Protein backbone atom coordinates (compact mmCIF):
# COMPACT_ATOMS: atom_id res chain seq x y z
CA MET A 1 -10.51 -11.48 -22.35
CA ALA A 2 -10.80 -14.88 -20.63
CA LYS A 3 -7.47 -16.01 -22.10
CA TYR A 4 -5.78 -12.83 -20.92
CA ILE A 5 -7.22 -13.14 -17.40
CA LEU A 6 -6.04 -16.77 -17.17
CA LYS A 7 -2.58 -15.80 -18.35
CA ARG A 8 -2.32 -12.97 -15.84
CA LEU A 9 -3.49 -15.24 -13.04
CA LEU A 10 -0.76 -17.77 -13.84
CA VAL A 11 1.85 -15.03 -13.93
CA SER A 12 0.53 -13.64 -10.65
CA LEU A 13 0.76 -17.04 -8.94
CA LEU A 14 4.29 -17.52 -10.25
CA THR A 15 5.29 -14.06 -8.96
CA LEU A 16 3.80 -14.83 -5.56
CA TRP A 17 5.66 -18.13 -5.38
CA ILE A 18 9.00 -16.47 -6.28
CA MET A 19 8.44 -13.78 -3.65
CA PHE A 20 7.51 -16.45 -1.08
CA THR A 21 10.64 -18.48 -1.88
CA LEU A 22 13.06 -15.53 -1.83
CA THR A 23 11.64 -14.20 1.42
CA PHE A 24 11.84 -17.62 3.10
CA PHE A 25 15.50 -18.30 2.25
CA LEU A 26 16.75 -14.72 2.71
CA MET A 27 15.06 -14.53 6.11
CA HIS A 28 16.69 -17.75 7.29
CA LEU A 29 20.08 -16.66 5.96
CA THR A 30 20.17 -13.57 8.17
CA PRO A 31 22.28 -14.00 11.30
CA GLY A 32 20.74 -14.37 14.73
CA SER A 33 17.89 -16.29 16.25
CA PRO A 34 14.37 -15.30 17.39
CA PHE A 35 15.03 -17.03 20.72
CA LEU A 36 18.18 -15.20 21.76
CA GLY A 37 17.57 -11.47 22.14
CA ASP A 38 18.07 -10.43 25.78
CA LYS A 39 17.06 -13.84 27.13
CA LYS A 40 19.54 -16.19 28.80
CA LEU A 41 18.52 -19.60 27.55
CA THR A 42 20.25 -22.90 28.23
CA PRO A 43 21.20 -25.02 25.22
CA GLU A 44 18.48 -27.52 26.19
CA ILE A 45 15.72 -24.90 26.24
CA LEU A 46 16.98 -23.39 22.97
CA ALA A 47 16.97 -26.83 21.32
CA ASN A 48 13.40 -27.49 22.54
CA LEU A 49 12.18 -24.16 21.20
CA GLU A 50 13.81 -24.74 17.78
CA ALA A 51 12.25 -28.21 17.68
CA LYS A 52 8.81 -26.76 18.52
CA TYR A 53 8.91 -24.39 15.55
CA GLY A 54 10.73 -26.83 13.25
CA LEU A 55 13.86 -24.72 13.06
CA ASP A 56 16.11 -27.66 13.92
CA LYS A 57 15.49 -29.33 10.56
CA PRO A 58 17.40 -28.68 7.30
CA ILE A 59 16.34 -25.55 5.48
CA LEU A 60 14.88 -27.44 2.50
CA VAL A 61 12.77 -29.58 4.82
CA GLN A 62 11.49 -26.44 6.56
CA TYR A 63 10.67 -24.88 3.20
CA GLU A 64 8.73 -27.91 1.97
CA LYS A 65 6.76 -28.22 5.20
CA TYR A 66 5.93 -24.53 5.38
CA ALA A 67 4.87 -24.41 1.72
CA LYS A 68 2.48 -27.31 2.28
CA ASN A 69 1.05 -25.61 5.37
CA VAL A 70 0.52 -22.34 3.49
CA LEU A 71 -1.46 -24.14 0.79
CA THR A 72 -3.89 -25.20 3.52
CA GLY A 73 -4.11 -21.69 4.98
CA ASP A 74 -1.84 -22.41 7.94
CA PHE A 75 0.77 -19.68 8.46
CA GLY A 76 2.02 -21.09 11.74
CA GLU A 77 2.21 -19.72 15.26
CA SER A 78 3.83 -16.43 16.12
CA ILE A 79 7.08 -16.73 18.06
CA THR A 80 6.91 -13.37 19.83
CA LEU A 81 3.18 -13.64 20.52
CA ALA A 82 3.09 -17.13 21.94
CA GLY A 83 -0.15 -19.02 21.44
CA GLN A 84 -1.40 -16.75 18.63
CA ASP A 85 -1.67 -17.98 15.06
CA VAL A 86 -0.33 -15.63 12.38
CA LYS A 87 -3.59 -15.99 10.45
CA ASP A 88 -5.52 -14.82 13.49
CA ILE A 89 -3.22 -11.82 13.89
CA ILE A 90 -3.80 -10.82 10.27
CA VAL A 91 -7.57 -11.31 10.57
CA ARG A 92 -7.70 -9.28 13.77
CA LYS A 93 -5.47 -6.37 12.75
CA PHE A 94 -5.95 -6.00 9.02
CA PRO A 95 -9.49 -4.48 9.29
CA TYR A 96 -7.97 -1.41 10.97
CA SER A 97 -5.38 -1.04 8.20
CA LEU A 98 -8.06 -1.71 5.59
CA LYS A 99 -10.42 1.00 6.83
CA LEU A 100 -7.67 3.60 7.16
CA GLY A 101 -6.16 2.51 3.84
CA LEU A 102 -9.40 2.81 1.90
CA PHE A 103 -10.08 6.22 3.43
CA SER A 104 -6.55 7.48 2.65
CA SER A 105 -6.52 5.99 -0.86
CA ALA A 106 -9.83 7.64 -1.73
CA ILE A 107 -8.52 11.01 -0.54
CA ALA A 108 -5.25 10.63 -2.44
CA ILE A 109 -6.83 9.56 -5.73
CA LEU A 110 -9.77 11.97 -5.75
CA VAL A 111 -8.04 15.06 -4.41
CA GLY A 112 -4.82 14.37 -6.33
CA THR A 113 -6.68 13.94 -9.61
CA VAL A 114 -8.68 17.13 -9.12
CA LEU A 115 -5.68 19.23 -8.04
CA GLY A 116 -3.55 17.88 -10.88
CA THR A 117 -6.21 18.70 -13.44
CA ILE A 118 -6.75 22.20 -12.06
CA SER A 119 -2.99 22.81 -11.98
CA ALA A 120 -2.66 21.75 -15.65
CA LEU A 121 -5.59 23.92 -16.76
CA LYS A 122 -4.22 26.89 -14.79
CA LYS A 123 -0.62 26.44 -15.89
CA ASN A 124 1.81 29.18 -14.82
CA THR A 125 -0.83 31.01 -12.80
CA GLY A 126 -0.90 31.69 -9.08
CA THR A 127 -3.19 28.71 -8.56
CA ASP A 128 -0.75 26.41 -10.33
CA ARG A 129 2.22 27.68 -8.30
CA ALA A 130 0.33 27.34 -5.01
CA ILE A 131 -0.68 23.74 -5.76
CA MET A 132 2.86 22.83 -6.86
CA LEU A 133 4.28 24.36 -3.67
CA ILE A 134 1.94 22.28 -1.51
CA VAL A 135 2.59 19.01 -3.34
CA THR A 136 6.35 19.61 -3.34
CA ILE A 137 6.20 19.86 0.44
CA GLY A 138 4.08 16.70 0.49
CA ILE A 139 6.68 14.76 -1.46
CA ALA A 140 9.68 16.14 0.40
CA VAL A 141 8.45 15.93 4.00
CA PRO A 142 8.41 12.44 5.61
CA SER A 143 5.05 11.05 6.72
CA PHE A 144 6.05 10.90 10.39
CA VAL A 145 6.75 14.67 10.32
CA VAL A 146 3.35 15.32 8.73
CA ALA A 147 1.69 13.07 11.32
CA THR A 148 3.48 14.67 14.27
CA VAL A 149 2.88 18.27 13.16
CA SER A 150 -0.79 17.67 12.35
CA MET A 151 -1.25 15.93 15.72
CA VAL A 152 0.33 18.80 17.64
CA VAL A 153 -1.51 21.55 15.73
CA PHE A 154 -4.95 20.09 15.17
CA GLY A 155 -5.09 17.60 18.00
CA VAL A 156 -3.19 19.09 20.94
CA LYS A 157 -3.35 22.84 20.32
CA PHE A 158 -6.81 23.30 18.81
CA HIS A 159 -8.45 20.03 19.98
CA LEU A 160 -10.21 19.57 16.65
CA PHE A 161 -9.49 15.86 16.15
CA PRO A 162 -8.51 12.96 18.45
CA THR A 163 -4.82 12.11 18.64
CA VAL A 164 -5.39 8.47 19.64
CA SER A 165 -7.44 6.64 17.06
CA HIS A 166 -9.28 3.33 17.01
CA LEU A 167 -11.15 4.41 13.88
CA ASP A 168 -14.54 4.27 15.58
CA THR A 169 -15.70 7.76 14.53
CA LEU A 170 -15.34 9.82 11.36
CA SER A 171 -13.23 12.42 13.13
CA SER A 172 -10.74 9.75 14.17
CA TYR A 173 -9.91 9.12 10.52
CA ILE A 174 -8.97 12.71 9.69
CA LEU A 175 -5.45 13.09 11.12
CA PRO A 176 -4.07 9.60 10.32
CA GLY A 177 -5.86 9.64 6.95
CA PHE A 178 -4.31 12.99 6.05
CA ALA A 179 -0.84 11.94 7.17
CA LEU A 180 -1.02 8.64 5.28
CA SER A 181 -2.45 10.15 2.09
CA PHE A 182 -0.38 13.34 1.88
CA PHE A 183 2.54 11.80 -0.04
CA PRO A 184 0.52 9.75 -2.56
CA LEU A 185 -1.85 12.70 -2.99
CA SER A 186 1.08 14.96 -3.82
CA PHE A 187 2.61 12.42 -6.19
CA ILE A 188 -0.70 11.84 -8.00
CA THR A 189 -1.18 15.61 -8.34
CA ARG A 190 2.18 16.00 -10.09
CA LEU A 191 1.55 12.89 -12.18
CA MET A 192 -1.89 14.10 -13.24
CA ARG A 193 -0.65 17.59 -14.01
CA SER A 194 2.10 16.27 -16.27
CA SER A 195 -0.24 13.86 -18.02
CA MET A 196 -2.99 16.44 -18.55
CA LEU A 197 -0.52 19.00 -19.93
CA ASP A 198 0.46 16.43 -22.53
CA VAL A 199 -3.13 15.42 -23.30
CA ILE A 200 -4.64 18.90 -23.72
CA ASN A 201 -2.07 19.68 -26.40
CA GLN A 202 -2.98 16.65 -28.51
CA ASP A 203 -4.64 17.02 -31.91
CA TYR A 204 -7.86 15.26 -30.90
CA ILE A 205 -8.40 17.81 -28.13
CA ARG A 206 -8.04 20.64 -30.65
CA THR A 207 -10.44 18.83 -32.97
CA ALA A 208 -13.01 18.41 -30.21
CA ARG A 209 -12.87 22.13 -29.42
CA ALA A 210 -13.06 23.00 -33.09
CA LYS A 211 -16.31 21.03 -33.27
CA GLY A 212 -17.81 23.40 -30.74
CA LEU A 213 -17.74 21.12 -27.67
CA SER A 214 -17.72 22.94 -24.35
CA ASP A 215 -14.51 23.02 -22.29
CA ARG A 216 -16.19 20.86 -19.64
CA MET A 217 -17.08 18.21 -22.20
CA VAL A 218 -13.61 18.29 -23.72
CA ILE A 219 -11.88 17.94 -20.35
CA PHE A 220 -14.11 15.31 -18.81
CA LYS A 221 -14.93 13.18 -21.85
CA HIS A 222 -11.62 13.34 -23.72
CA GLY A 223 -8.94 14.80 -21.46
CA LEU A 224 -9.47 13.01 -18.16
CA ARG A 225 -10.11 9.63 -19.76
CA ASN A 226 -6.65 9.60 -21.30
CA GLY A 227 -4.82 11.74 -18.76
CA ILE A 228 -5.75 9.52 -15.85
CA LEU A 229 -3.96 6.42 -17.21
CA PRO A 230 -0.66 7.12 -15.38
CA VAL A 231 -2.65 7.61 -12.18
CA VAL A 232 -4.33 4.24 -12.64
CA THR A 233 -0.89 2.65 -13.04
CA TYR A 234 0.36 4.22 -9.82
CA ALA A 235 -2.87 3.64 -7.91
CA GLY A 236 -2.54 -0.18 -7.94
CA PRO A 237 0.64 -0.58 -5.88
CA MET A 238 -0.13 2.63 -3.94
CA VAL A 239 -3.47 1.28 -2.69
CA ALA A 240 -1.87 -2.07 -1.85
CA GLY A 241 0.85 -0.42 0.19
CA VAL A 242 -1.59 1.85 2.01
CA LEU A 243 -4.05 -0.96 2.70
CA THR A 244 -1.50 -3.17 4.38
CA GLY A 245 -0.77 -0.44 6.88
CA SER A 246 1.88 2.10 7.73
CA PHE A 247 3.94 1.34 10.81
CA VAL A 248 4.82 5.00 11.39
CA ILE A 249 1.28 6.34 11.14
CA GLU A 250 -0.26 3.48 13.09
CA SER A 251 2.34 3.86 15.85
CA ILE A 252 1.96 7.63 16.17
CA PHE A 253 -1.83 7.46 16.39
CA SER A 254 -1.93 4.19 18.38
CA ILE A 255 -3.90 2.36 15.68
CA PRO A 256 -3.81 -1.44 16.25
CA GLY A 257 -3.24 -2.22 12.58
CA LEU A 258 -1.12 -4.68 10.64
CA GLY A 259 1.77 -2.37 9.86
CA SER A 260 3.19 -2.33 13.40
CA SER A 261 3.02 -6.12 13.67
CA PHE A 262 4.95 -6.47 10.40
CA VAL A 263 7.86 -4.26 11.40
CA THR A 264 7.97 -5.62 14.97
CA SER A 265 8.13 -9.16 13.65
CA ILE A 266 11.11 -8.29 11.43
CA THR A 267 13.12 -6.78 14.28
CA ALA A 268 12.26 -9.77 16.51
CA LYS A 269 13.02 -12.29 13.70
CA ASP A 270 9.56 -13.78 14.17
CA TYR A 271 9.78 -16.04 11.10
CA PRO A 272 6.13 -17.18 10.92
CA THR A 273 4.76 -13.64 11.27
CA VAL A 274 7.21 -12.20 8.75
CA MET A 275 6.32 -14.90 6.23
CA GLY A 276 2.57 -14.69 6.82
CA VAL A 277 2.36 -10.92 6.52
CA THR A 278 4.75 -10.88 3.54
CA ILE A 279 2.64 -13.43 1.68
CA PHE A 280 -0.49 -11.48 2.52
CA PHE A 281 1.04 -8.18 1.43
CA GLY A 282 2.38 -9.74 -1.77
CA ALA A 283 -1.01 -11.22 -2.61
CA VAL A 284 -2.71 -7.83 -2.16
CA LEU A 285 -0.06 -6.07 -4.25
CA ILE A 286 -0.23 -8.62 -7.08
CA PHE A 287 -4.03 -8.52 -7.05
CA MET A 288 -4.07 -4.75 -7.27
CA ASN A 289 -1.67 -4.79 -10.24
CA PHE A 290 -3.85 -7.41 -11.91
CA LEU A 291 -6.89 -5.23 -11.29
CA VAL A 292 -5.12 -2.23 -12.83
CA ASP A 293 -4.51 -4.20 -16.02
CA ILE A 294 -8.20 -5.00 -16.27
CA ILE A 295 -9.24 -1.41 -15.55
CA TYR A 296 -6.94 -0.22 -18.33
CA ARG A 297 -9.21 -1.89 -20.89
CA PHE A 298 -12.27 0.01 -19.69
CA VAL A 299 -10.48 3.35 -19.27
CA ASP A 300 -8.97 3.24 -22.76
CA PRO A 301 -10.49 0.72 -25.22
CA ARG A 302 -7.51 1.33 -27.57
CA ILE A 303 -5.27 -0.69 -25.25
CA ASN A 304 -5.06 -4.26 -26.52
CA ILE A 305 -4.84 -6.71 -23.64
CA THR A 306 -5.61 -9.82 -25.67
CA LYS A 307 -2.02 -10.47 -26.72
């Protein structure tokens, strides 16, 4: 186990470095400058700004300097938000995305697993068709449509939940949490249904029933343990993506999370913010995939992770 963990850590660090390198060079190869926009700057002012952020130096020199700074935890100063360090922006805004992401991920995994299992056990019945209809809508309809409709219906028309959320009360999580989790919930439901349909037709399930085990014991002890493996695979990157924030959902519900800062920094060509948030997002994604590999071993001991 220790050897496997060390190997996966080395691969994870290599992956993070490759992502960091590709993002850095591709970002600097895109045309335009973060200092142009609608501003009318003289060549002298533009040269001073580029010198302040080190953009006047050769690209390889910039890469080396930035890589050394990142190793010390310094992601630089935001260009669009003058005077604010990128690290401080992440520290200040990520807790909002984290809270909403954990809430939405829990809903997606728990509800999706339950609905998928029920749908598989009730195959070709009215219950199965109703669940499949709902999850098909969840997969087909964009999240901003779900967010807008739920806001208008449950927030504006019936006044059940707040439409502007700072995530300070339980009710403030409901609408953004539902909008953010609806797609992954629907995907997990379909994934779980397909997996469970395959599992419940396996020989060991028939053997367990032939031994006189109750349906509940067969499903929970034998079926779910094997049927949930595809969900575990999907849950890693899904949780990472949800945790780092959704620009659309955060914008609609006025949540001051990290997602809006990420997209805004891209459109403004705010190099330090783009790099800092990308590295942070990549680290979370890689960690979640690493965690999934470890969880595999406990979910199904037959999986050999020592090679």
